[in-house]
Structure formats: C-alpha cells, structure tokens
Amino acid sequence: MREDKAQRQKRIINIIGKEWKSTFSNLNSALFITLLPLLITVQALIFIYLAMKFAGAEVLVKTLLGKGMENWLTMFPALGELPLIERFQVFFFAQFPFYLLLIPVMVAVSFATFSIVEEKQERTLEPLLATPVRTWELLFGKALAGAIPSLLITWFCAGLFLTGIIGMGSGHLLKFVLNAQWFISLFLLVPLFSLLAFILGVIASSRANDPKTAQNIAIIVVLPILAIVGGQLIGFTVFTSARLFILSIATGVLNLFVLRVAVRLFQRESIVVRWR
C-alpha cells in the first residue's frame, strides 16, 4: 500500500514537472502567468485611488455602493467609528481577496486549456496514456501544475496590495482589513478556487480540439466570482467568516465532484483512436 501510494505521488510529481518545464520554457506563457496578476493588482489599487480622490464618499454613498457599504457596516459595526471616506476605503480593500480569485481563473483559462489541446496537436498525449499513469493522476497533476504557481503569484499580489495600501497613506486601516474574512479568503477559498478553475480548464481542454473552444468553455468559472464581488458591492449579501467557511467547504466538495466528472469525460480507452 505504501509503495503504491509512493508510486502515485511520483507519477503526479512527474506530470507537474513535465508541465512546468513545458510552460516556463515558453517566454510568453511565463510572462502571462506573472504579469497578468500584477496588472490585476495594480488595476485594483488605481480604481480605489481614483474613486476616493475624484468621486468622494458623499457621491459614492448615493450609489449602489452606498447600500453595499451600509450592509457591510451591520456586520462590522466597529467601522462606524471611522470617517465616511475611510469606511469606503476599508469596504473596497475588503473586496480584494475575492477580486484575487480572478487571477487563478484567468491563468487557468490560458494555462489549463492549452495543456491537453497542445498535446493532442503535437501527438505527445498518446505515449503518456500508454504509461501506468492513471487518468485521475494525469488530470489532477495537470491541474496542480497550474494551480500551484498561480496560487503563489496570487499570494504575492496580496502582499503587493497591502504594500499599496500603506503607500496610499491608509496603513492605519490595515487593522480593519486584516480580519478573519481576509485570511479565510486568501488561504482557504483562493487555493480551492484555484484548483477548481484548473480542473475545469483541464476538462475544457480534454473535450475540445482547439484552444479557443477550450477557453470559451473554461471562462464560465469567472461568473460565480463576479457574482461574489458584485453581490457584496451592491449590498446583496455580506460574506462573514462563517459564510466563507461554508463556501470553502462547498468548494472543496465541488472539487472532488468535478475531478470525478473530469475522469469520466476523459474516456481514456477511446481517446487515442478518436483524436487521430
């Protein structure tokens, strides 16, 4: 049993190593994985800065964002002691962990959707399927190969964002930002969403015959993330620690279900004949 487990781990690690070698030897892919997350982070900081500087709290409170901020205050009454402009700053800063979910998803749309499609086109998948590697090991390894670097760059961007907050002169607000919701989102929800995005990307890649079709299938993962961010901004809901924890558990269960679906859809026995 131990030997079998060690062999499974070795096969998965070999798949991850193969994917990393292929991806990071390509300059365009490497730049995409690193530069896109940085652009997303800088974009968020610029948006918050411009909203605070040119719109102002008095204008924002009259919009849908004002309703979102009011609902946020009911869950975090300590923020009521802050000036209105700083309440909005904390409100916007608190949305960033959810906004960060876009990073692994966008990387997955490019990384994972090309993963199997390229192997189809280059005829390198058939020899791999002839090895003892199991279908779930292949798909899980490919998903991890993308999820791990995207997760690391996501955490780096979180640190960059916090540095940006200090650079904007709002460092004194970090005590309101770095709460349980922030850490649950960053260290539990983001990893689970990252893995989910890449598993779905691998499914799209395994079912499509060209990268564009695979990307169109995988992009649907963006929709629930936009719903989470938009729902909080307009006051539809507030994700407390308990709700985030429940959402994380549900996402973990969904990961297992989607991986099983991916294995069934892969159809290993007929795949070589069908792709020729």
C-alpha atoms as a PDB file:
ATOM      1  CA  MET A   1       0.000   0.000   0.000  1.00  0.00           C
ATOM      2  CA  ARG A   2       2.800   2.423   0.916  1.00  0.00           C
ATOM      3  CA  GLU A   3       4.683   1.542  -2.255  1.00  0.00           C
ATOM      4  CA  ASP A   4       1.552   2.109  -4.337  1.00  0.00           C
ATOM      5  CA  LYS A   5       0.993   5.491  -2.654  1.00  0.00           C
ATOM      6  CA  ALA A   6       4.608   6.474  -3.266  1.00  0.00           C
ATOM      7  CA  GLN A   7       4.278   5.498  -6.921  1.00  0.00           C
ATOM      8  CA  ARG A   8       1.106   7.591  -7.287  1.00  0.00           C
ATOM      9  CA  GLN A   9       2.846  10.585  -5.743  1.00  0.00           C
ATOM     10  CA  LYS A  10       5.851  10.087  -8.013  1.00  0.00           C
ATOM     11  CA  ARG A  11       3.663   9.929 -11.124  1.00  0.00           C
ATOM     12  CA  ILE A  12       1.800  13.099 -10.135  1.00  0.00           C
ATOM     13  CA  ILE A  13       5.077  14.904  -9.374  1.00  0.00           C
ATOM     14  CA  ASN A  14       6.467  13.814 -12.748  1.00  0.00           C
ATOM     15  CA  ILE A  15       3.396  15.215 -14.504  1.00  0.00           C
ATOM     16  CA  ILE A  16       3.746  18.505 -12.613  1.00  0.00           C
ATOM     17  CA  GLY A  17       7.448  18.698 -13.521  1.00  0.00           C
ATOM     18  CA  LYS A  18       6.687  17.996 -17.180  1.00  0.00           C
ATOM     19  CA  GLU A  19       4.026  20.722 -17.264  1.00  0.00           C
ATOM     20  CA  TRP A  20       6.279  23.285 -15.591  1.00  0.00           C
ATOM     21  CA  LYS A  21       9.129  22.534 -17.950  1.00  0.00           C
ATOM     22  CA  SER A  22       6.845  22.980 -20.936  1.00  0.00           C
ATOM     23  CA  THR A  23       5.174  26.139 -19.634  1.00  0.00           C
ATOM     24  CA  PHE A  24       8.074  28.089 -18.196  1.00  0.00           C
ATOM     25  CA  SER A  25      10.361  27.327 -21.122  1.00  0.00           C
ATOM     26  CA  ASN A  26       7.884  29.364 -23.174  1.00  0.00           C
ATOM     27  CA  LEU A  27       8.552  33.068 -22.547  1.00  0.00           C
ATOM     28  CA  ASN A  28       5.020  34.159 -23.490  1.00  0.00           C
ATOM     29  CA  SER A  29       3.413  31.707 -21.064  1.00  0.00           C
ATOM     30  CA  ALA A  30       5.791  32.644 -18.249  1.00  0.00           C
ATOM     31  CA  LEU A  31       5.150  36.368 -18.746  1.00  0.00           C
ATOM     32  CA  PHE A  32       1.395  35.805 -18.871  1.00  0.00           C
ATOM     33  CA  ILE A  33       1.372  33.941 -15.558  1.00  0.00           C
ATOM     34  CA  THR A  34       3.461  36.620 -13.842  1.00  0.00           C
ATOM     35  CA  LEU A  35       2.432  39.901 -15.497  1.00  0.00           C
ATOM     36  CA  LEU A  36      -1.361  39.402 -15.669  1.00  0.00           C
ATOM     37  CA  PRO A  37      -1.736  39.036 -11.866  1.00  0.00           C
ATOM     38  CA  LEU A  38       0.404  42.114 -11.316  1.00  0.00           C
ATOM     39  CA  LEU A  39      -1.729  44.114 -13.757  1.00  0.00           C
ATOM     40  CA  ILE A  40      -4.916  42.981 -11.982  1.00  0.00           C
ATOM     41  CA  THR A  41      -3.484  44.103  -8.636  1.00  0.00           C
ATOM     42  CA  VAL A  42      -2.311  47.482  -9.903  1.00  0.00           C
ATOM     43  CA  GLN A  43      -5.684  47.981 -11.598  1.00  0.00           C
ATOM     44  CA  ALA A  44      -7.491  47.428  -8.273  1.00  0.00           C
ATOM     45  CA  LEU A  45      -5.257  49.923  -6.470  1.00  0.00           C
ATOM     46  CA  ILE A  46      -5.723  52.542  -9.194  1.00  0.00           C
ATOM     47  CA  PHE A  47      -9.511  52.077  -9.164  1.00  0.00           C
ATOM     48  CA  ILE A  48      -9.718  52.558  -5.385  1.00  0.00           C
ATOM     49  CA  TYR A  49      -7.389  55.579  -5.501  1.00  0.00           C
ATOM     50  CA  LEU A  50      -9.350  57.289  -8.277  1.00  0.00           C
ATOM     51  CA  ALA A  51     -12.714  56.519  -6.640  1.00  0.00           C
ATOM     52  CA  MET A  52     -11.574  58.042  -3.354  1.00  0.00           C
ATOM     53  CA  LYS A  53      -9.867  61.051  -4.935  1.00  0.00           C
ATOM     54  CA  PHE A  54     -12.332  62.114  -7.614  1.00  0.00           C
ATOM     55  CA  ALA A  55     -15.704  60.595  -6.655  1.00  0.00           C
ATOM     56  CA  GLY A  56     -15.576  61.121  -2.908  1.00  0.00           C
ATOM     57  CA  ALA A  57     -17.555  59.469  -0.146  1.00  0.00           C
ATOM     58  CA  GLU A  58     -20.524  61.855  -0.499  1.00  0.00           C
ATOM     59  CA  VAL A  59     -21.012  60.785  -4.122  1.00  0.00           C
ATOM     60  CA  LEU A  60     -20.391  57.086  -3.520  1.00  0.00           C
ATOM     61  CA  VAL A  61     -22.895  56.867  -0.667  1.00  0.00           C
ATOM     62  CA  LYS A  62     -25.676  57.857  -3.092  1.00  0.00           C
ATOM     63  CA  THR A  63     -24.884  54.965  -5.448  1.00  0.00           C
ATOM     64  CA  LEU A  64     -25.452  51.211  -5.171  1.00  0.00           C
ATOM     65  CA  LEU A  65     -22.056  51.070  -3.488  1.00  0.00           C
ATOM     66  CA  GLY A  66     -23.533  53.070  -0.609  1.00  0.00           C
ATOM     67  CA  LYS A  67     -26.076  50.308   0.015  1.00  0.00           C
ATOM     68  CA  GLY A  68     -23.297  47.733  -0.076  1.00  0.00           C
ATOM     69  CA  MET A  69     -21.268  49.676   2.447  1.00  0.00           C
ATOM     70  CA  GLU A  70     -24.279  50.056   4.773  1.00  0.00           C
ATOM     71  CA  ASN A  71     -24.852  46.292   4.790  1.00  0.00           C
ATOM     72  CA  TRP A  72     -21.151  45.800   5.426  1.00  0.00           C
ATOM     73  CA  LEU A  73     -21.383  48.075   8.487  1.00  0.00           C
ATOM     74  CA  THR A  74     -24.149  45.940  10.002  1.00  0.00           C
ATOM     75  CA  MET A  75     -21.722  43.010  10.056  1.00  0.00           C
ATOM     76  CA  PHE A  76     -18.719  45.082  11.183  1.00  0.00           C
ATOM     77  CA  PRO A  77     -20.099  47.822  13.464  1.00  0.00           C
ATOM     78  CA  ALA A  78     -16.611  48.840  14.616  1.00  0.00           C
ATOM     79  CA  LEU A  79     -16.162  50.550  11.252  1.00  0.00           C
ATOM     80  CA  GLY A  80     -18.920  53.011  12.194  1.00  0.00           C
ATOM     81  CA  GLU A  81     -16.376  54.957  14.237  1.00  0.00           C
ATOM     82  CA  LEU A  82     -14.372  55.794  11.108  1.00  0.00           C
ATOM     83  CA  PRO A  83     -14.953  58.843   8.888  1.00  0.00           C
ATOM     84  CA  LEU A  84     -17.178  58.093   5.883  1.00  0.00           C
ATOM     85  CA  ILE A  85     -14.311  58.211   3.392  1.00  0.00           C
ATOM     86  CA  GLU A  86     -12.300  55.675   5.424  1.00  0.00           C
ATOM     87  CA  ARG A  87     -15.313  53.375   5.722  1.00  0.00           C
ATOM     88  CA  PHE A  88     -15.450  53.219   1.940  1.00  0.00           C
ATOM     89  CA  GLN A  89     -11.719  52.582   1.788  1.00  0.00           C
ATOM     90  CA  VAL A  90     -11.991  49.618   4.167  1.00  0.00           C
ATOM     91  CA  PHE A  91     -15.051  48.398   2.262  1.00  0.00           C
ATOM     92  CA  PHE A  92     -13.140  48.422  -1.036  1.00  0.00           C
ATOM     93  CA  PHE A  93      -9.977  46.957   0.491  1.00  0.00           C
ATOM     94  CA  ALA A  94     -12.008  44.079   1.954  1.00  0.00           C
ATOM     95  CA  GLN A  95     -13.235  43.056  -1.511  1.00  0.00           C
ATOM     96  CA  PHE A  96      -9.719  42.448  -2.813  1.00  0.00           C
ATOM     97  CA  PRO A  97      -9.347  38.799  -1.636  1.00  0.00           C
ATOM     98  CA  PHE A  98     -12.427  37.965  -3.729  1.00  0.00           C
ATOM     99  CA  TYR A  99     -11.079  40.001  -6.620  1.00  0.00           C
ATOM    100  CA  LEU A 100      -7.909  37.915  -6.331  1.00  0.00           C
ATOM    101  CA  LEU A 101      -9.938  34.861  -7.331  1.00  0.00           C
ATOM    102  CA  LEU A 102      -9.821  36.223 -10.872  1.00  0.00           C
ATOM    103  CA  ILE A 103      -6.062  35.612 -11.041  1.00  0.00           C
ATOM    104  CA  PRO A 104      -6.045  31.790 -10.924  1.00  0.00           C
ATOM    105  CA  VAL A 105      -9.155  31.683 -13.093  1.00  0.00           C
ATOM    106  CA  MET A 106      -7.687  33.881 -15.824  1.00  0.00           C
ATOM    107  CA  VAL A 107      -4.399  31.978 -15.698  1.00  0.00           C
ATOM    108  CA  ALA A 108      -6.342  28.705 -15.859  1.00  0.00           C
ATOM    109  CA  VAL A 109      -8.194  29.855 -18.959  1.00  0.00           C
ATOM    110  CA  SER A 110      -4.848  30.163 -20.717  1.00  0.00           C
ATOM    111  CA  PHE A 111      -2.675  27.569 -18.963  1.00  0.00           C
ATOM    112  CA  ALA A 112      -5.026  24.626 -18.455  1.00  0.00           C
ATOM    113  CA  THR A 113      -6.960  24.962 -21.689  1.00  0.00           C
ATOM    114  CA  PHE A 114      -3.744  24.691 -23.699  1.00  0.00           C
ATOM    115  CA  SER A 115      -2.446  21.794 -21.584  1.00  0.00           C
ATOM    116  CA  ILE A 116      -4.127  18.851 -23.288  1.00  0.00           C
ATOM    117  CA  VAL A 117      -5.056  20.575 -26.566  1.00  0.00           C
ATOM    118  CA  GLU A 118      -1.380  21.131 -27.357  1.00  0.00           C
ATOM    119  CA  GLU A 119      -0.592  17.507 -26.574  1.00  0.00           C
ATOM    120  CA  LYS A 120      -3.358  16.444 -28.948  1.00  0.00           C
ATOM    121  CA  GLN A 121      -1.974  18.608 -31.718  1.00  0.00           C
ATOM    122  CA  GLU A 122       1.656  17.629 -31.112  1.00  0.00           C
ATOM    123  CA  ARG A 123       0.834  13.909 -30.717  1.00  0.00           C
ATOM    124  CA  THR A 124       2.539  13.674 -27.312  1.00  0.00           C
ATOM    125  CA  LEU A 125      -0.522  12.539 -25.349  1.00  0.00           C
ATOM    126  CA  GLU A 126      -0.734   9.015 -26.765  1.00  0.00           C
ATOM    127  CA  PRO A 127       2.675   7.916 -25.378  1.00  0.00           C
ATOM    128  CA  LEU A 128       1.725   9.364 -21.997  1.00  0.00           C
ATOM    129  CA  LEU A 129      -1.530   7.399 -21.937  1.00  0.00           C
ATOM    130  CA  ALA A 130       0.433   4.241 -22.673  1.00  0.00           C
ATOM    131  CA  THR A 131       2.262   4.585 -19.336  1.00  0.00           C
ATOM    132  CA  PRO A 132       0.878   3.246 -15.994  1.00  0.00           C
ATOM    133  CA  VAL A 133      -0.331   6.747 -15.053  1.00  0.00           C
ATOM    134  CA  ARG A 134      -3.994   6.707 -14.047  1.00  0.00           C
ATOM    135  CA  THR A 135      -6.482   9.128 -15.545  1.00  0.00           C
ATOM    136  CA  TRP A 136      -7.167  10.938 -12.272  1.00  0.00           C
ATOM    137  CA  GLU A 137      -3.423  11.242 -11.632  1.00  0.00           C
ATOM    138  CA  LEU A 138      -2.920  12.774 -15.065  1.00  0.00           C
ATOM    139  CA  LEU A 139      -5.737  15.302 -14.707  1.00  0.00           C
ATOM    140  CA  PHE A 140      -5.010  16.102 -11.056  1.00  0.00           C
ATOM    141  CA  GLY A 141      -1.304  16.546 -11.826  1.00  0.00           C
ATOM    142  CA  LYS A 142      -2.051  18.900 -14.701  1.00  0.00           C
ATOM    143  CA  ALA A 143      -4.441  20.897 -12.513  1.00  0.00           C
ATOM    144  CA  LEU A 144      -1.871  21.161  -9.690  1.00  0.00           C
ATOM    145  CA  ALA A 145       0.840  22.172 -12.154  1.00  0.00           C
ATOM    146  CA  GLY A 146      -1.144  25.295 -12.957  1.00  0.00           C
ATOM    147  CA  ALA A 147      -2.766  25.904  -9.587  1.00  0.00           C
ATOM    148  CA  ILE A 148       0.471  25.977  -7.569  1.00  0.00           C
ATOM    149  CA  PRO A 149       2.273  28.798  -9.443  1.00  0.00           C
ATOM    150  CA  SER A 150      -0.950  30.781  -9.837  1.00  0.00           C
ATOM    151  CA  LEU A 151      -1.572  30.451  -6.096  1.00  0.00           C
ATOM    152  CA  LEU A 152       1.940  31.642  -5.237  1.00  0.00           C
ATOM    153  CA  ILE A 153       1.655  34.669  -7.525  1.00  0.00           C
ATOM    154  CA  THR A 154      -1.794  35.383  -6.043  1.00  0.00           C
ATOM    155  CA  TRP A 155      -0.364  35.485  -2.527  1.00  0.00           C
ATOM    156  CA  PHE A 156       2.454  37.696  -3.770  1.00  0.00           C
ATOM    157  CA  CYS A 157      -0.130  40.076  -5.242  1.00  0.00           C
ATOM    158  CA  ALA A 158      -1.949  40.148  -1.902  1.00  0.00           C
ATOM    159  CA  GLY A 159       1.274  41.313  -0.263  1.00  0.00           C
ATOM    160  CA  LEU A 160       1.741  43.863  -3.035  1.00  0.00           C
ATOM    161  CA  PHE A 161      -1.781  45.143  -2.464  1.00  0.00           C
ATOM    162  CA  LEU A 162      -1.155  45.598   1.256  1.00  0.00           C
ATOM    163  CA  THR A 163       2.032  47.470   0.406  1.00  0.00           C
ATOM    164  CA  GLY A 164      -0.020  49.643  -1.938  1.00  0.00           C
ATOM    165  CA  ILE A 165      -2.455  50.427   0.875  1.00  0.00           C
ATOM    166  CA  ILE A 166       0.418  51.654   3.001  1.00  0.00           C
ATOM    167  CA  GLY A 167       1.784  53.627   0.031  1.00  0.00           C
ATOM    168  CA  MET A 168      -1.600  55.337  -0.365  1.00  0.00           C
ATOM    169  CA  GLY A 169      -1.327  56.554   3.223  1.00  0.00           C
ATOM    170  CA  SER A 170      -4.004  54.197   4.543  1.00  0.00           C
ATOM    171  CA  GLY A 171      -1.778  51.883   6.548  1.00  0.00           C
ATOM    172  CA  HIS A 172      -3.669  52.709   9.738  1.00  0.00           C
ATOM    173  CA  LEU A 173      -6.715  50.947   8.230  1.00  0.00           C
ATOM    174  CA  LEU A 174      -4.968  47.596   7.909  1.00  0.00           C
ATOM    175  CA  LYS A 175      -6.190  46.549  11.356  1.00  0.00           C
ATOM    176  CA  PHE A 176      -9.723  46.642   9.929  1.00  0.00           C
ATOM    177  CA  VAL A 177      -8.731  44.913   6.685  1.00  0.00           C
ATOM    178  CA  LEU A 178      -6.663  42.005   8.018  1.00  0.00           C
ATOM    179  CA  ASN A 179      -9.504  40.168   9.713  1.00  0.00           C
ATOM    180  CA  ALA A 180     -10.746  36.572   9.693  1.00  0.00           C
ATOM    181  CA  GLN A 181     -12.544  37.101   6.383  1.00  0.00           C
ATOM    182  CA  TRP A 182      -9.325  38.210   4.712  1.00  0.00           C
ATOM    183  CA  PHE A 183      -7.332  35.169   5.868  1.00  0.00           C
ATOM    184  CA  ILE A 184     -10.089  32.631   5.149  1.00  0.00           C
ATOM    185  CA  SER A 185     -10.478  34.064   1.656  1.00  0.00           C
ATOM    186  CA  LEU A 186      -6.760  34.183   0.960  1.00  0.00           C
ATOM    187  CA  PHE A 187      -5.578  30.908   2.449  1.00  0.00           C
ATOM    188  CA  LEU A 188      -8.636  28.681   2.090  1.00  0.00           C
ATOM    189  CA  LEU A 189     -11.005  29.935  -0.598  1.00  0.00           C
ATOM    190  CA  VAL A 190      -8.360  31.099  -3.075  1.00  0.00           C
ATOM    191  CA  PRO A 191      -6.476  27.731  -3.116  1.00  0.00           C
ATOM    192  CA  LEU A 192      -9.744  25.809  -3.513  1.00  0.00           C
ATOM    193  CA  PHE A 193     -10.972  28.090  -6.293  1.00  0.00           C
ATOM    194  CA  SER A 194      -7.566  27.877  -7.960  1.00  0.00           C
ATOM    195  CA  LEU A 195      -7.737  24.092  -8.074  1.00  0.00           C
ATOM    196  CA  LEU A 196     -11.356  24.181  -9.251  1.00  0.00           C
ATOM    197  CA  ALA A 197     -10.502  26.604 -12.039  1.00  0.00           C
ATOM    198  CA  PHE A 198      -7.680  24.422 -13.293  1.00  0.00           C
ATOM    199  CA  ILE A 199      -9.674  21.190 -13.102  1.00  0.00           C
ATOM    200  CA  LEU A 200     -12.418  22.830 -15.160  1.00  0.00           C
ATOM    201  CA  GLY A 201      -9.769  24.157 -17.521  1.00  0.00           C
ATOM    202  CA  VAL A 202      -8.382  20.654 -17.970  1.00  0.00           C
ATOM    203  CA  ILE A 203     -11.912  19.349 -18.642  1.00  0.00           C
ATOM    204  CA  ALA A 204     -12.383  22.020 -21.298  1.00  0.00           C
ATOM    205  CA  SER A 205      -9.017  21.154 -22.797  1.00  0.00           C
ATOM    206  CA  SER A 206      -9.740  17.419 -22.842  1.00  0.00           C
ATOM    207  CA  ARG A 207     -13.093  17.874 -24.592  1.00  0.00           C
ATOM    208  CA  ALA A 208     -12.067  20.474 -27.157  1.00  0.00           C
ATOM    209  CA  ASN A 209      -9.948  20.124 -30.274  1.00  0.00           C
ATOM    210  CA  ASP A 210      -8.594  23.668 -30.329  1.00  0.00           C
ATOM    211  CA  PRO A 211      -7.524  26.188 -27.622  1.00  0.00           C
ATOM    212  CA  LYS A 212     -10.169  28.786 -28.492  1.00  0.00           C
ATOM    213  CA  THR A 213     -13.042  26.364 -27.898  1.00  0.00           C
ATOM    214  CA  ALA A 214     -11.457  25.223 -24.640  1.00  0.00           C
ATOM    215  CA  GLN A 215     -11.119  28.817 -23.438  1.00  0.00           C
ATOM    216  CA  ASN A 216     -14.756  29.565 -24.228  1.00  0.00           C
ATOM    217  CA  ILE A 217     -15.803  26.598 -22.077  1.00  0.00           C
ATOM    218  CA  ALA A 218     -13.490  27.433 -19.167  1.00  0.00           C
ATOM    219  CA  ILE A 219     -14.399  31.129 -18.976  1.00  0.00           C
ATOM    220  CA  ILE A 220     -17.711  30.284 -17.244  1.00  0.00           C
ATOM    221  CA  VAL A 221     -15.732  29.956 -13.987  1.00  0.00           C
ATOM    222  CA  VAL A 222     -15.436  33.750 -13.937  1.00  0.00           C
ATOM    223  CA  LEU A 223     -19.206  34.161 -13.478  1.00  0.00           C
ATOM    224  CA  PRO A 224     -19.528  32.964  -9.829  1.00  0.00           C
ATOM    225  CA  ILE A 225     -16.527  35.109  -8.860  1.00  0.00           C
ATOM    226  CA  LEU A 226     -18.103  38.204 -10.391  1.00  0.00           C
ATOM    227  CA  ALA A 227     -21.314  37.297  -8.561  1.00  0.00           C
ATOM    228  CA  ILE A 228     -19.465  37.166  -5.219  1.00  0.00           C
ATOM    229  CA  VAL A 229     -17.734  40.516  -5.730  1.00  0.00           C
ATOM    230  CA  GLY A 230     -20.762  42.234  -7.284  1.00  0.00           C
ATOM    231  CA  GLY A 231     -23.138  40.859  -4.641  1.00  0.00           C
ATOM    232  CA  GLN A 232     -21.134  42.435  -1.846  1.00  0.00           C
ATOM    233  CA  LEU A 233     -20.510  45.735  -3.631  1.00  0.00           C
ATOM    234  CA  ILE A 234     -24.216  46.398  -4.243  1.00  0.00           C
ATOM    235  CA  GLY A 235     -25.333  45.109  -0.836  1.00  0.00           C
ATOM    236  CA  PHE A 236     -26.989  41.889  -1.953  1.00  0.00           C
ATOM    237  CA  THR A 237     -25.022  39.860   0.601  1.00  0.00           C
ATOM    238  CA  VAL A 238     -22.084  40.016   3.004  1.00  0.00           C
ATOM    239  CA  PHE A 239     -19.700  37.091   3.341  1.00  0.00           C
ATOM    240  CA  THR A 240     -18.984  36.725   7.031  1.00  0.00           C
ATOM    241  CA  SER A 241     -16.373  34.302   8.396  1.00  0.00           C
ATOM    242  CA  ALA A 242     -18.993  31.567   8.840  1.00  0.00           C
ATOM    243  CA  ARG A 243     -20.341  32.007   5.311  1.00  0.00           C
ATOM    244  CA  LEU A 244     -16.852  32.000   3.835  1.00  0.00           C
ATOM    245  CA  PHE A 245     -16.001  28.827   5.713  1.00  0.00           C
ATOM    246  CA  ILE A 246     -19.167  27.127   4.447  1.00  0.00           C
ATOM    247  CA  LEU A 247     -18.407  28.345   0.922  1.00  0.00           C
ATOM    248  CA  SER A 248     -14.890  26.915   1.223  1.00  0.00           C
ATOM    249  CA  ILE A 249     -16.222  23.509   2.322  1.00  0.00           C
ATOM    250  CA  ALA A 250     -18.703  23.526  -0.562  1.00  0.00           C
ATOM    251  CA  THR A 251     -15.913  24.426  -2.992  1.00  0.00           C
ATOM    252  CA  GLY A 252     -13.751  21.590  -1.649  1.00  0.00           C
ATOM    253  CA  VAL A 253     -16.569  19.092  -2.144  1.00  0.00           C
ATOM    254  CA  LEU A 254     -17.176  20.531  -5.614  1.00  0.00           C
ATOM    255  CA  ASN A 255     -13.502  19.992  -6.442  1.00  0.00           C
ATOM    256  CA  LEU A 256     -13.809  16.272  -5.685  1.00  0.00           C
ATOM    257  CA  PHE A 257     -17.008  16.008  -7.712  1.00  0.00           C
ATOM    258  CA  VAL A 258     -15.571  17.891 -10.694  1.00  0.00           C
ATOM    259  CA  LEU A 259     -12.425  15.733 -10.655  1.00  0.00           C
ATOM    260  CA  ARG A 260     -14.594  12.608 -10.830  1.00  0.00           C
ATOM    261  CA  VAL A 261     -16.541  14.155 -13.705  1.00  0.00           C
ATOM    262  CA  ALA A 262     -13.271  15.011 -15.459  1.00  0.00           C
ATOM    263  CA  VAL A 263     -12.098  11.410 -15.207  1.00  0.00           C
ATOM    264  CA  ARG A 264     -15.380  10.143 -16.680  1.00  0.00           C
ATOM    265  CA  LEU A 265     -15.358  12.663 -19.519  1.00  0.00           C
ATOM    266  CA  PHE A 266     -11.757  11.909 -20.427  1.00  0.00           C
ATOM    267  CA  GLN A 267     -12.694   8.499 -21.912  1.00  0.00           C
ATOM    268  CA  ARG A 268      -9.151   7.175 -21.873  1.00  0.00           C
ATOM    269  CA  GLU A 269      -9.909   3.916 -23.680  1.00  0.00           C
ATOM    270  CA  SER A 270     -11.163   5.572 -26.859  1.00  0.00           C
ATOM    271  CA  ILE A 271      -9.295   8.819 -26.726  1.00  0.00           C
ATOM    272  CA  VAL A 272      -6.311   7.846 -28.855  1.00  0.00           C
ATOM    273  CA  VAL A 273      -8.471   6.483 -31.669  1.00  0.00           C
ATOM    274  CA  ARG A 274     -10.838   9.460 -31.574  1.00  0.00           C
ATOM    275  CA  TRP A 275      -8.081  12.086 -31.753  1.00  0.00           C
ATOM    276  CA  ARG A 276      -6.216  10.561 -34.677  1.00  0.00           C
END
